[in-house]
Amino acid sequence: MPNQQQILKSIAAVAKRLGRAPSVAEFVARGGIPKYFVFRYFPTWNEAVRAAGLRPSRFYARPDDVELLKGWGETVRKLRTVPSRRAYRLRGTHSPHTLETRFGCWAAVPQAFRNFAEGKPEWADVLALALVPARKKKESRESKEDSFCVTQPERAQHRPLRERRTYGEPLDFPTLRHEPVNEQGVVLLFGMLAKDLGYVVESVQAGFPDCEAKRQIGPKRWQRVNIEFEFESRNFRDHGHPLTGCDVIVCWHHNWPDCPAHIESSSFPAASNPRATPSRIRKYRPSKIIFRVVD
């Protein structure tokens, strides 16, 4: 477990490579230290940056699609092969989660790069590597994760416009017009539906766990639970959260098949249904939305 001085040295080292103070996501991706350990010593990320002798960035510049695809292409060029998710997390420019959020899933990134690089001679060597069929390899946890794609990649009907906001799939819900595309959207939708799902929120915080709530477990009976919000359930593991201190992961996509048995990883959990059984997927329609639930 890293101590405070090791964390500060790592922040300074990552900042030296970037030429500026890193965001928390950049630090986790490049420094290899889960953010959980940072927040054990510092109340906010900016406090940790200041303690490392750096000036926090005033804003986070959201990378556009071109920047993300160029970074992925440079990693392919450096490794001489299409990287797995884990390899990109260790050697890549951006967080794998950012690419998955932008392009649908990790398996969709190579095709998105081909569409971007087609006809550009400066990317010819990378295209040759990206077009080589992957060699057969033993089924492993890493290969399963790379192929686990909740939203199957489809050929785009229209070429995306640059510097234009993108949205999730249209959602049949009166106060939210599109599906969440990030963790903030998950938090917002959960807040809208908490009462219908049998939850009462007590508090929300920036540190782990994100939310303290009570949920109904029977007639006139409630129980306290700790909730962590994630866009995809496996981000809980990738962010380095401890396996203790959290009872429920609320997410939009459940793609962590090895989720510990004592943690409910649910695409909006139907806690109000007392007949829930382990490893069972149910579908129901509150407010005309289908939620897949894994308890």
C-alpha atoms as a PDB file:
ATOM      1  CA  MET A   1       0.000   0.000   0.000  1.00  0.00           C
ATOM      2  CA  PRO A   2       1.564   3.338  -1.040  1.00  0.00           C
ATOM      3  CA  ASN A   3       2.169   5.917   1.677  1.00  0.00           C
ATOM      4  CA  GLN A   4       1.612   9.663   1.385  1.00  0.00           C
ATOM      5  CA  GLN A   5       5.150  10.480   0.230  1.00  0.00           C
ATOM      6  CA  GLN A   6       5.069   7.793  -2.459  1.00  0.00           C
ATOM      7  CA  ILE A   7       1.790   9.193  -3.778  1.00  0.00           C
ATOM      8  CA  LEU A   8       3.188  12.739  -3.920  1.00  0.00           C
ATOM      9  CA  LYS A   9       6.343  11.571  -5.711  1.00  0.00           C
ATOM     10  CA  SER A  10       4.208   9.674  -8.215  1.00  0.00           C
ATOM     11  CA  ILE A  11       2.029  12.760  -8.868  1.00  0.00           C
ATOM     12  CA  ALA A  12       5.181  14.819  -9.485  1.00  0.00           C
ATOM     13  CA  ALA A  13       6.586  12.158 -11.819  1.00  0.00           C
ATOM     14  CA  VAL A  14       3.389  11.981 -13.884  1.00  0.00           C
ATOM     15  CA  ALA A  15       3.252  15.797 -14.034  1.00  0.00           C
ATOM     16  CA  LYS A  16       6.838  15.882 -15.321  1.00  0.00           C
ATOM     17  CA  ARG A  17       5.931  13.503 -18.161  1.00  0.00           C
ATOM     18  CA  LEU A  18       2.789  15.464 -19.070  1.00  0.00           C
ATOM     19  CA  GLY A  19       4.306  18.921 -18.633  1.00  0.00           C
ATOM     20  CA  ARG A  20       1.430  19.950 -16.348  1.00  0.00           C
ATOM     21  CA  ALA A  21      -0.528  18.806 -13.313  1.00  0.00           C
ATOM     22  CA  PRO A  22      -2.417  15.599 -14.170  1.00  0.00           C
ATOM     23  CA  SER A  23      -6.116  14.974 -13.716  1.00  0.00           C
ATOM     24  CA  VAL A  24      -7.019  12.165 -11.328  1.00  0.00           C
ATOM     25  CA  ALA A  25      -7.839   9.879 -14.282  1.00  0.00           C
ATOM     26  CA  GLU A  26      -4.462  10.583 -15.892  1.00  0.00           C
ATOM     27  CA  PHE A  27      -2.724   9.898 -12.589  1.00  0.00           C
ATOM     28  CA  VAL A  28      -4.472   6.547 -12.129  1.00  0.00           C
ATOM     29  CA  ALA A  29      -3.733   5.518 -15.729  1.00  0.00           C
ATOM     30  CA  ARG A  30      -0.060   6.577 -15.711  1.00  0.00           C
ATOM     31  CA  GLY A  31       0.945   6.379 -12.064  1.00  0.00           C
ATOM     32  CA  GLY A  32      -0.528   2.960 -11.373  1.00  0.00           C
ATOM     33  CA  ILE A  33      -1.870   3.998  -7.951  1.00  0.00           C
ATOM     34  CA  PRO A  34      -5.653   3.691  -7.422  1.00  0.00           C
ATOM     35  CA  LYS A  35      -7.369   6.950  -6.515  1.00  0.00           C
ATOM     36  CA  TYR A  36      -8.706   5.309  -3.357  1.00  0.00           C
ATOM     37  CA  PHE A  37      -5.255   5.605  -1.769  1.00  0.00           C
ATOM     38  CA  VAL A  38      -5.011   9.277  -2.743  1.00  0.00           C
ATOM     39  CA  PHE A  39      -8.284  10.100  -0.996  1.00  0.00           C
ATOM     40  CA  ARG A  40      -7.160   8.310   2.139  1.00  0.00           C
ATOM     41  CA  TYR A  41      -4.663  11.133   2.682  1.00  0.00           C
ATOM     42  CA  PHE A  42      -6.264  14.112   0.900  1.00  0.00           C
ATOM     43  CA  PRO A  43      -9.889  15.339   0.886  1.00  0.00           C
ATOM     44  CA  THR A  44      -9.733  16.420  -2.787  1.00  0.00           C
ATOM     45  CA  TRP A  45      -7.535  15.805  -5.809  1.00  0.00           C
ATOM     46  CA  ASN A  46      -6.495  19.472  -5.945  1.00  0.00           C
ATOM     47  CA  GLU A  47      -5.237  19.255  -2.361  1.00  0.00           C
ATOM     48  CA  ALA A  48      -3.035  16.313  -3.349  1.00  0.00           C
ATOM     49  CA  VAL A  49      -1.717  18.235  -6.368  1.00  0.00           C
ATOM     50  CA  ARG A  50      -0.847  21.248  -4.203  1.00  0.00           C
ATOM     51  CA  ALA A  51       0.882  19.015  -1.645  1.00  0.00           C
ATOM     52  CA  ALA A  52       3.042  17.691  -4.493  1.00  0.00           C
ATOM     53  CA  GLY A  53       4.202  21.260  -5.151  1.00  0.00           C
ATOM     54  CA  LEU A  54       2.111  21.732  -8.285  1.00  0.00           C
ATOM     55  CA  ARG A  55      -0.574  24.152  -9.381  1.00  0.00           C
ATOM     56  CA  PRO A  56      -3.906  22.429 -10.058  1.00  0.00           C
ATOM     57  CA  SER A  57      -5.364  22.816 -13.519  1.00  0.00           C
ATOM     58  CA  ARG A  58      -8.300  25.202 -13.538  1.00  0.00           C
ATOM     59  CA  PHE A  59     -10.224  23.077 -15.965  1.00  0.00           C
ATOM     60  CA  TYR A  60     -10.053  19.689 -17.611  1.00  0.00           C
ATOM     61  CA  ALA A  61      -9.714  19.860 -21.389  1.00  0.00           C
ATOM     62  CA  ARG A  62     -11.923  17.095 -22.719  1.00  0.00           C
ATOM     63  CA  PRO A  63      -9.990  15.269 -25.465  1.00  0.00           C
ATOM     64  CA  ASP A  64     -11.803  15.115 -28.792  1.00  0.00           C
ATOM     65  CA  ASP A  65     -12.219  11.923 -30.821  1.00  0.00           C
ATOM     66  CA  VAL A  66      -9.239  12.721 -33.063  1.00  0.00           C
ATOM     67  CA  GLU A  67      -6.927  13.123 -30.082  1.00  0.00           C
ATOM     68  CA  LEU A  68      -8.122   9.839 -28.571  1.00  0.00           C
ATOM     69  CA  LEU A  69      -7.671   7.935 -31.836  1.00  0.00           C
ATOM     70  CA  LYS A  70      -4.225   9.440 -32.435  1.00  0.00           C
ATOM     71  CA  GLY A  71      -3.182   8.373 -28.954  1.00  0.00           C
ATOM     72  CA  TRP A  72      -4.441   4.843 -29.578  1.00  0.00           C
ATOM     73  CA  GLY A  73      -2.616   4.737 -32.929  1.00  0.00           C
ATOM     74  CA  GLU A  74       0.660   5.878 -31.356  1.00  0.00           C
ATOM     75  CA  THR A  75       0.339   3.096 -28.795  1.00  0.00           C
ATOM     76  CA  VAL A  76      -0.168   0.528 -31.572  1.00  0.00           C
ATOM     77  CA  ARG A  77       2.915   1.915 -33.320  1.00  0.00           C
ATOM     78  CA  LYS A  78       4.942   1.708 -30.119  1.00  0.00           C
ATOM     79  CA  LEU A  79       3.853  -1.836 -29.197  1.00  0.00           C
ATOM     80  CA  ARG A  80       3.758  -3.101 -32.820  1.00  0.00           C
ATOM     81  CA  THR A  81       0.399  -4.728 -32.133  1.00  0.00           C
ATOM     82  CA  VAL A  82      -3.182  -3.874 -31.210  1.00  0.00           C
ATOM     83  CA  PRO A  83      -3.091  -3.484 -27.403  1.00  0.00           C
ATOM     84  CA  SER A  84      -5.352  -5.244 -24.981  1.00  0.00           C
ATOM     85  CA  ARG A  85      -7.256  -3.050 -22.566  1.00  0.00           C
ATOM     86  CA  ARG A  86      -4.763  -3.768 -19.801  1.00  0.00           C
ATOM     87  CA  ALA A  87      -1.771  -3.083 -22.072  1.00  0.00           C
ATOM     88  CA  TYR A  88      -3.275   0.253 -23.125  1.00  0.00           C
ATOM     89  CA  ARG A  89      -3.990   1.201 -19.517  1.00  0.00           C
ATOM     90  CA  LEU A  90      -0.287   0.670 -18.750  1.00  0.00           C
ATOM     91  CA  ARG A  91       1.248   2.112 -21.936  1.00  0.00           C
ATOM     92  CA  GLY A  92      -1.415   4.285 -23.541  1.00  0.00           C
ATOM     93  CA  THR A  93      -2.021   8.023 -23.550  1.00  0.00           C
ATOM     94  CA  HIS A  94      -5.554   8.161 -22.149  1.00  0.00           C
ATOM     95  CA  SER A  95      -7.683   6.071 -19.840  1.00  0.00           C
ATOM     96  CA  PRO A  96      -9.254   3.014 -21.565  1.00  0.00           C
ATOM     97  CA  HIS A  97     -12.548   4.016 -19.967  1.00  0.00           C
ATOM     98  CA  THR A  98     -12.522   7.294 -21.914  1.00  0.00           C
ATOM     99  CA  LEU A  99     -12.194   5.433 -25.228  1.00  0.00           C
ATOM    100  CA  GLU A 100     -14.886   2.916 -24.230  1.00  0.00           C
ATOM    101  CA  THR A 101     -17.285   5.696 -23.295  1.00  0.00           C
ATOM    102  CA  ARG A 102     -16.640   7.549 -26.552  1.00  0.00           C
ATOM    103  CA  PHE A 103     -16.684   4.615 -29.007  1.00  0.00           C
ATOM    104  CA  GLY A 104     -19.037   2.126 -27.331  1.00  0.00           C
ATOM    105  CA  CYS A 105     -16.643  -0.498 -25.971  1.00  0.00           C
ATOM    106  CA  TRP A 106     -12.999  -1.542 -26.198  1.00  0.00           C
ATOM    107  CA  ALA A 107     -13.609  -3.939 -29.089  1.00  0.00           C
ATOM    108  CA  ALA A 108     -15.001  -1.045 -31.175  1.00  0.00           C
ATOM    109  CA  VAL A 109     -11.874   1.139 -30.937  1.00  0.00           C
ATOM    110  CA  PRO A 110      -9.833  -0.514 -33.767  1.00  0.00           C
ATOM    111  CA  GLN A 111     -12.665  -0.014 -36.276  1.00  0.00           C
ATOM    112  CA  ALA A 112     -13.100   3.592 -35.167  1.00  0.00           C
ATOM    113  CA  PHE A 113      -9.375   4.128 -35.779  1.00  0.00           C
ATOM    114  CA  ARG A 114      -9.585   2.529 -39.251  1.00  0.00           C
ATOM    115  CA  ASN A 115     -12.408   4.905 -40.183  1.00  0.00           C
ATOM    116  CA  PHE A 116     -10.326   7.845 -38.956  1.00  0.00           C
ATOM    117  CA  ALA A 117      -6.981   6.815 -40.537  1.00  0.00           C
ATOM    118  CA  GLU A 118      -8.274   5.625 -43.899  1.00  0.00           C
ATOM    119  CA  GLY A 119      -6.535   7.561 -46.682  1.00  0.00           C
ATOM    120  CA  LYS A 120      -3.972   9.177 -44.348  1.00  0.00           C
ATOM    121  CA  PRO A 121      -0.451   8.061 -45.372  1.00  0.00           C
ATOM    122  CA  GLU A 122       1.049   8.981 -41.977  1.00  0.00           C
ATOM    123  CA  TRP A 123      -0.994   6.183 -40.401  1.00  0.00           C
ATOM    124  CA  ALA A 124      -0.337   3.518 -43.051  1.00  0.00           C
ATOM    125  CA  ASP A 125       2.009   1.501 -40.796  1.00  0.00           C
ATOM    126  CA  VAL A 126      -0.500   1.516 -37.936  1.00  0.00           C
ATOM    127  CA  LEU A 127      -3.366   0.561 -40.258  1.00  0.00           C
ATOM    128  CA  ALA A 128      -1.354  -2.442 -41.416  1.00  0.00           C
ATOM    129  CA  LEU A 129      -0.969  -3.567 -37.806  1.00  0.00           C
ATOM    130  CA  ALA A 130      -4.609  -2.831 -36.934  1.00  0.00           C
ATOM    131  CA  LEU A 131      -5.841  -4.868 -39.907  1.00  0.00           C
ATOM    132  CA  VAL A 132      -3.847  -7.993 -38.999  1.00  0.00           C
ATOM    133  CA  PRO A 133      -6.232 -10.621 -37.592  1.00  0.00           C
ATOM    134  CA  ALA A 134      -5.561 -11.339 -33.935  1.00  0.00           C
ATOM    135  CA  ARG A 135      -3.774 -14.632 -33.313  1.00  0.00           C
ATOM    136  CA  LYS A 136      -5.756 -17.302 -31.538  1.00  0.00           C
ATOM    137  CA  LYS A 137      -4.929 -17.343 -27.865  1.00  0.00           C
ATOM    138  CA  LYS A 138      -6.105 -19.146 -24.789  1.00  0.00           C
ATOM    139  CA  GLU A 139      -9.290 -17.873 -23.253  1.00  0.00           C
ATOM    140  CA  SER A 140      -8.220 -15.671 -20.369  1.00  0.00           C
ATOM    141  CA  ARG A 141      -9.696 -13.063 -18.101  1.00  0.00           C
ATOM    142  CA  GLU A 142      -8.008 -10.339 -20.145  1.00  0.00           C
ATOM    143  CA  SER A 143      -9.323 -11.597 -23.493  1.00  0.00           C
ATOM    144  CA  LYS A 144     -12.817 -11.997 -22.060  1.00  0.00           C
ATOM    145  CA  GLU A 145     -12.800  -8.382 -20.889  1.00  0.00           C
ATOM    146  CA  ASP A 146     -11.598  -7.103 -24.264  1.00  0.00           C
ATOM    147  CA  SER A 147     -14.443  -8.928 -26.030  1.00  0.00           C
ATOM    148  CA  PHE A 148     -17.136  -8.018 -23.458  1.00  0.00           C
ATOM    149  CA  CYS A 149     -19.021  -5.365 -25.372  1.00  0.00           C
ATOM    150  CA  VAL A 150     -22.384  -4.354 -23.980  1.00  0.00           C
ATOM    151  CA  THR A 151     -23.077  -2.089 -26.928  1.00  0.00           C
ATOM    152  CA  GLN A 152     -22.085  -4.037 -30.031  1.00  0.00           C
ATOM    153  CA  PRO A 153     -20.061  -1.960 -32.496  1.00  0.00           C
ATOM    154  CA  GLU A 154     -22.070  -1.021 -35.572  1.00  0.00           C
ATOM    155  CA  ARG A 155     -21.056   0.793 -38.729  1.00  0.00           C
ATOM    156  CA  ALA A 156     -22.006   4.447 -38.322  1.00  0.00           C
ATOM    157  CA  GLN A 157     -24.694   5.655 -40.710  1.00  0.00           C
ATOM    158  CA  HIS A 158     -23.190   9.140 -40.887  1.00  0.00           C
ATOM    159  CA  ARG A 159     -19.733  10.560 -40.401  1.00  0.00           C
ATOM    160  CA  PRO A 160     -19.517  12.388 -37.040  1.00  0.00           C
ATOM    161  CA  LEU A 161     -19.015  16.153 -37.076  1.00  0.00           C
ATOM    162  CA  ARG A 162     -15.955  17.506 -35.322  1.00  0.00           C
ATOM    163  CA  GLU A 163     -16.284  19.540 -32.127  1.00  0.00           C
ATOM    164  CA  ARG A 164     -19.936  18.601 -31.782  1.00  0.00           C
ATOM    165  CA  ARG A 165     -21.505  17.107 -28.651  1.00  0.00           C
ATOM    166  CA  THR A 166     -22.559  13.445 -28.822  1.00  0.00           C
ATOM    167  CA  TYR A 167     -25.445  11.785 -26.956  1.00  0.00           C
ATOM    168  CA  GLY A 168     -26.490   8.351 -25.779  1.00  0.00           C
ATOM    169  CA  GLU A 169     -29.324   6.338 -27.285  1.00  0.00           C
ATOM    170  CA  PRO A 170     -32.748   8.049 -27.122  1.00  0.00           C
ATOM    171  CA  LEU A 171     -34.495   7.171 -23.864  1.00  0.00           C
ATOM    172  CA  ASP A 172     -38.249   6.841 -23.390  1.00  0.00           C
ATOM    173  CA  PHE A 173     -38.278   8.833 -20.158  1.00  0.00           C
ATOM    174  CA  PRO A 174     -40.020  12.182 -19.584  1.00  0.00           C
ATOM    175  CA  THR A 175     -37.192  14.125 -17.897  1.00  0.00           C
ATOM    176  CA  LEU A 176     -34.055  12.551 -19.439  1.00  0.00           C
ATOM    177  CA  ARG A 177     -34.010  12.385 -23.221  1.00  0.00           C
ATOM    178  CA  HIS A 178     -30.920  10.174 -23.742  1.00  0.00           C
ATOM    179  CA  GLU A 179     -29.190   7.257 -22.037  1.00  0.00           C
ATOM    180  CA  PRO A 180     -26.290   8.098 -19.700  1.00  0.00           C
ATOM    181  CA  VAL A 181     -22.849   8.107 -21.324  1.00  0.00           C
ATOM    182  CA  ASN A 182     -20.847   8.644 -18.113  1.00  0.00           C
ATOM    183  CA  GLU A 183     -20.985   8.234 -14.334  1.00  0.00           C
ATOM    184  CA  GLN A 184     -22.613  11.641 -13.820  1.00  0.00           C
ATOM    185  CA  GLY A 185     -25.557  10.543 -15.951  1.00  0.00           C
ATOM    186  CA  VAL A 186     -25.940   7.407 -13.830  1.00  0.00           C
ATOM    187  CA  VAL A 187     -26.014   9.495 -10.635  1.00  0.00           C
ATOM    188  CA  LEU A 188     -28.636  11.836 -12.119  1.00  0.00           C
ATOM    189  CA  LEU A 189     -30.926   9.023 -13.267  1.00  0.00           C
ATOM    190  CA  PHE A 190     -30.603   7.168  -9.977  1.00  0.00           C
ATOM    191  CA  GLY A 191     -31.619  10.337  -8.139  1.00  0.00           C
ATOM    192  CA  MET A 192     -34.707  10.600 -10.353  1.00  0.00           C
ATOM    193  CA  LEU A 193     -35.730   6.987  -9.710  1.00  0.00           C
ATOM    194  CA  ALA A 194     -34.451   6.312  -6.185  1.00  0.00           C
ATOM    195  CA  LYS A 195     -37.935   6.445  -4.651  1.00  0.00           C
ATOM    196  CA  ASP A 196     -39.402   4.107  -7.282  1.00  0.00           C
ATOM    197  CA  LEU A 197     -36.536   1.668  -6.684  1.00  0.00           C
ATOM    198  CA  GLY A 198     -37.101   1.598  -2.942  1.00  0.00           C
ATOM    199  CA  TYR A 199     -34.189   3.822  -1.902  1.00  0.00           C
ATOM    200  CA  VAL A 200     -33.894   6.972   0.217  1.00  0.00           C
ATOM    201  CA  VAL A 201     -30.618   8.868  -0.199  1.00  0.00           C
ATOM    202  CA  GLU A 202     -28.977  10.018   3.041  1.00  0.00           C
ATOM    203  CA  SER A 203     -25.825  11.683   1.655  1.00  0.00           C
ATOM    204  CA  VAL A 204     -23.602  11.951  -1.429  1.00  0.00           C
ATOM    205  CA  GLN A 205     -19.867  12.626  -1.312  1.00  0.00           C
ATOM    206  CA  ALA A 206     -16.821  12.901  -3.581  1.00  0.00           C
ATOM    207  CA  GLY A 207     -14.866  10.134  -1.808  1.00  0.00           C
ATOM    208  CA  PHE A 208     -15.517   6.410  -1.579  1.00  0.00           C
ATOM    209  CA  PRO A 209     -18.271   5.301  -1.301  1.00  0.00           C
ATOM    210  CA  ASP A 210     -20.216   7.821  -3.377  1.00  0.00           C
ATOM    211  CA  CYS A 211     -23.546   7.515  -1.588  1.00  0.00           C
ATOM    212  CA  GLU A 212     -25.072   6.467   1.702  1.00  0.00           C
ATOM    213  CA  ALA A 213     -28.708   5.437   1.456  1.00  0.00           C
ATOM    214  CA  LYS A 214     -31.431   3.361   3.041  1.00  0.00           C
ATOM    215  CA  ARG A 215     -33.473   0.837   1.080  1.00  0.00           C
ATOM    216  CA  GLN A 216     -36.695  -0.943   1.829  1.00  0.00           C
ATOM    217  CA  ILE A 217     -36.204  -4.644   2.641  1.00  0.00           C
ATOM    218  CA  GLY A 218     -39.784  -5.369   3.705  1.00  0.00           C
ATOM    219  CA  PRO A 219     -43.041  -3.758   4.892  1.00  0.00           C
ATOM    220  CA  LYS A 220     -42.092  -0.812   7.148  1.00  0.00           C
ATOM    221  CA  ARG A 221     -38.471  -2.017   7.340  1.00  0.00           C
ATOM    222  CA  TRP A 222     -35.417  -0.227   5.916  1.00  0.00           C
ATOM    223  CA  GLN A 223     -31.678  -0.912   5.962  1.00  0.00           C
ATOM    224  CA  ARG A 224     -28.597   1.282   5.445  1.00  0.00           C
ATOM    225  CA  VAL A 225     -26.402   0.585   2.381  1.00  0.00           C
ATOM    226  CA  ASN A 226     -23.265   2.121   0.859  1.00  0.00           C
ATOM    227  CA  ILE A 227     -23.464   2.751  -2.900  1.00  0.00           C
ATOM    228  CA  GLU A 228     -20.750   3.377  -5.501  1.00  0.00           C
ATOM    229  CA  PHE A 229     -21.812   4.836  -8.856  1.00  0.00           C
ATOM    230  CA  GLU A 230     -20.042   3.702 -12.024  1.00  0.00           C
ATOM    231  CA  PHE A 231     -20.901   3.948 -15.712  1.00  0.00           C
ATOM    232  CA  GLU A 232     -19.674   0.349 -16.145  1.00  0.00           C
ATOM    233  CA  SER A 233     -19.467  -2.068 -13.213  1.00  0.00           C
ATOM    234  CA  ARG A 234     -15.880  -3.146 -13.951  1.00  0.00           C
ATOM    235  CA  ASN A 235     -14.726   0.465 -13.440  1.00  0.00           C
ATOM    236  CA  PHE A 236     -15.120  -0.268  -9.723  1.00  0.00           C
ATOM    237  CA  ARG A 237     -12.193  -2.679 -10.032  1.00  0.00           C
ATOM    238  CA  ASP A 238     -10.199  -0.496 -12.447  1.00  0.00           C
ATOM    239  CA  HIS A 239     -10.484   2.504 -10.103  1.00  0.00           C
ATOM    240  CA  GLY A 240      -8.909   0.427  -7.328  1.00  0.00           C
ATOM    241  CA  HIS A 241     -11.792   0.619  -4.866  1.00  0.00           C
ATOM    242  CA  PRO A 242     -11.543  -1.687  -1.833  1.00  0.00           C
ATOM    243  CA  LEU A 243     -13.855  -4.685  -1.712  1.00  0.00           C
ATOM    244  CA  THR A 244     -15.062  -3.661   1.739  1.00  0.00           C
ATOM    245  CA  GLY A 245     -17.160  -0.604   2.479  1.00  0.00           C
ATOM    246  CA  CYS A 246     -19.523  -0.929  -0.502  1.00  0.00           C
ATOM    247  CA  ASP A 247     -22.767  -2.899  -0.683  1.00  0.00           C
ATOM    248  CA  VAL A 248     -24.138  -1.931  -4.093  1.00  0.00           C
ATOM    249  CA  ILE A 249     -22.607  -0.810  -7.395  1.00  0.00           C
ATOM    250  CA  VAL A 250     -25.157   1.205  -9.371  1.00  0.00           C
ATOM    251  CA  CYS A 251     -24.168   1.304 -13.040  1.00  0.00           C
ATOM    252  CA  TRP A 252     -25.590   1.614 -16.538  1.00  0.00           C
ATOM    253  CA  HIS A 253     -23.667  -1.369 -17.987  1.00  0.00           C
ATOM    254  CA  HIS A 254     -22.894  -4.481 -15.962  1.00  0.00           C
ATOM    255  CA  ASN A 255     -19.723  -5.917 -17.543  1.00  0.00           C
ATOM    256  CA  TRP A 256     -17.812  -7.325 -14.576  1.00  0.00           C
ATOM    257  CA  PRO A 257     -18.584 -11.076 -14.611  1.00  0.00           C
ATOM    258  CA  ASP A 258     -16.160 -11.695 -11.701  1.00  0.00           C
ATOM    259  CA  CYS A 259     -17.787  -9.157  -9.394  1.00  0.00           C
ATOM    260  CA  PRO A 260     -17.364 -10.357  -5.772  1.00  0.00           C
ATOM    261  CA  ALA A 261     -20.400 -12.242  -4.522  1.00  0.00           C
ATOM    262  CA  HIS A 262     -20.903  -9.994  -1.475  1.00  0.00           C
ATOM    263  CA  ILE A 263     -21.325  -6.883  -3.670  1.00  0.00           C
ATOM    264  CA  GLU A 264     -24.505  -6.410  -5.695  1.00  0.00           C
ATOM    265  CA  SER A 265     -23.506  -5.131  -9.133  1.00  0.00           C
ATOM    266  CA  SER A 266     -26.678  -3.906 -10.720  1.00  0.00           C
ATOM    267  CA  SER A 267     -27.852  -1.906 -13.695  1.00  0.00           C
ATOM    268  CA  PHE A 268     -30.186   0.068 -11.426  1.00  0.00           C
ATOM    269  CA  PRO A 269     -31.006  -2.512  -8.705  1.00  0.00           C
ATOM    270  CA  ALA A 270     -34.612  -3.506  -8.061  1.00  0.00           C
ATOM    271  CA  ALA A 271     -34.097  -3.534  -4.327  1.00  0.00           C
ATOM    272  CA  SER A 272     -37.825  -3.194  -3.697  1.00  0.00           C
ATOM    273  CA  ASN A 273     -38.354  -6.726  -5.045  1.00  0.00           C
ATOM    274  CA  PRO A 274     -37.673  -9.067  -2.069  1.00  0.00           C
ATOM    275  CA  ARG A 275     -37.751 -12.163  -4.295  1.00  0.00           C
ATOM    276  CA  ALA A 276     -34.410 -11.326  -5.954  1.00  0.00           C
ATOM    277  CA  THR A 277     -32.093 -14.327  -6.224  1.00  0.00           C
ATOM    278  CA  PRO A 278     -28.291 -14.379  -6.775  1.00  0.00           C
ATOM    279  CA  SER A 279     -26.996 -14.428 -10.368  1.00  0.00           C
ATOM    280  CA  ARG A 280     -30.474 -13.910 -11.787  1.00  0.00           C
ATOM    281  CA  ILE A 281     -31.170 -11.301 -14.456  1.00  0.00           C
ATOM    282  CA  ARG A 282     -34.615  -9.705 -14.394  1.00  0.00           C
ATOM    283  CA  LYS A 283     -36.308  -7.102 -16.561  1.00  0.00           C
ATOM    284  CA  TYR A 284     -38.991  -4.711 -15.452  1.00  0.00           C
ATOM    285  CA  ARG A 285     -40.440  -1.401 -16.625  1.00  0.00           C
ATOM    286  CA  PRO A 286     -40.718   1.465 -14.141  1.00  0.00           C
ATOM    287  CA  SER A 287     -41.420   4.652 -16.099  1.00  0.00           C
ATOM    288  CA  LYS A 288     -41.117   2.724 -19.406  1.00  0.00           C
ATOM    289  CA  ILE A 289     -37.374   2.008 -18.954  1.00  0.00           C
ATOM    290  CA  ILE A 290     -35.963  -1.521 -19.070  1.00  0.00           C
ATOM    291  CA  PHE A 291     -33.382  -2.220 -16.363  1.00  0.00           C
ATOM    292  CA  ARG A 292     -31.236  -5.345 -16.311  1.00  0.00           C
ATOM    293  CA  VAL A 293     -30.617  -6.386 -12.719  1.00  0.00           C
ATOM    294  CA  VAL A 294     -27.920  -8.736 -11.405  1.00  0.00           C
ATOM    295  CA  ASP A 295     -28.079  -9.285  -7.624  1.00  0.00           C
END
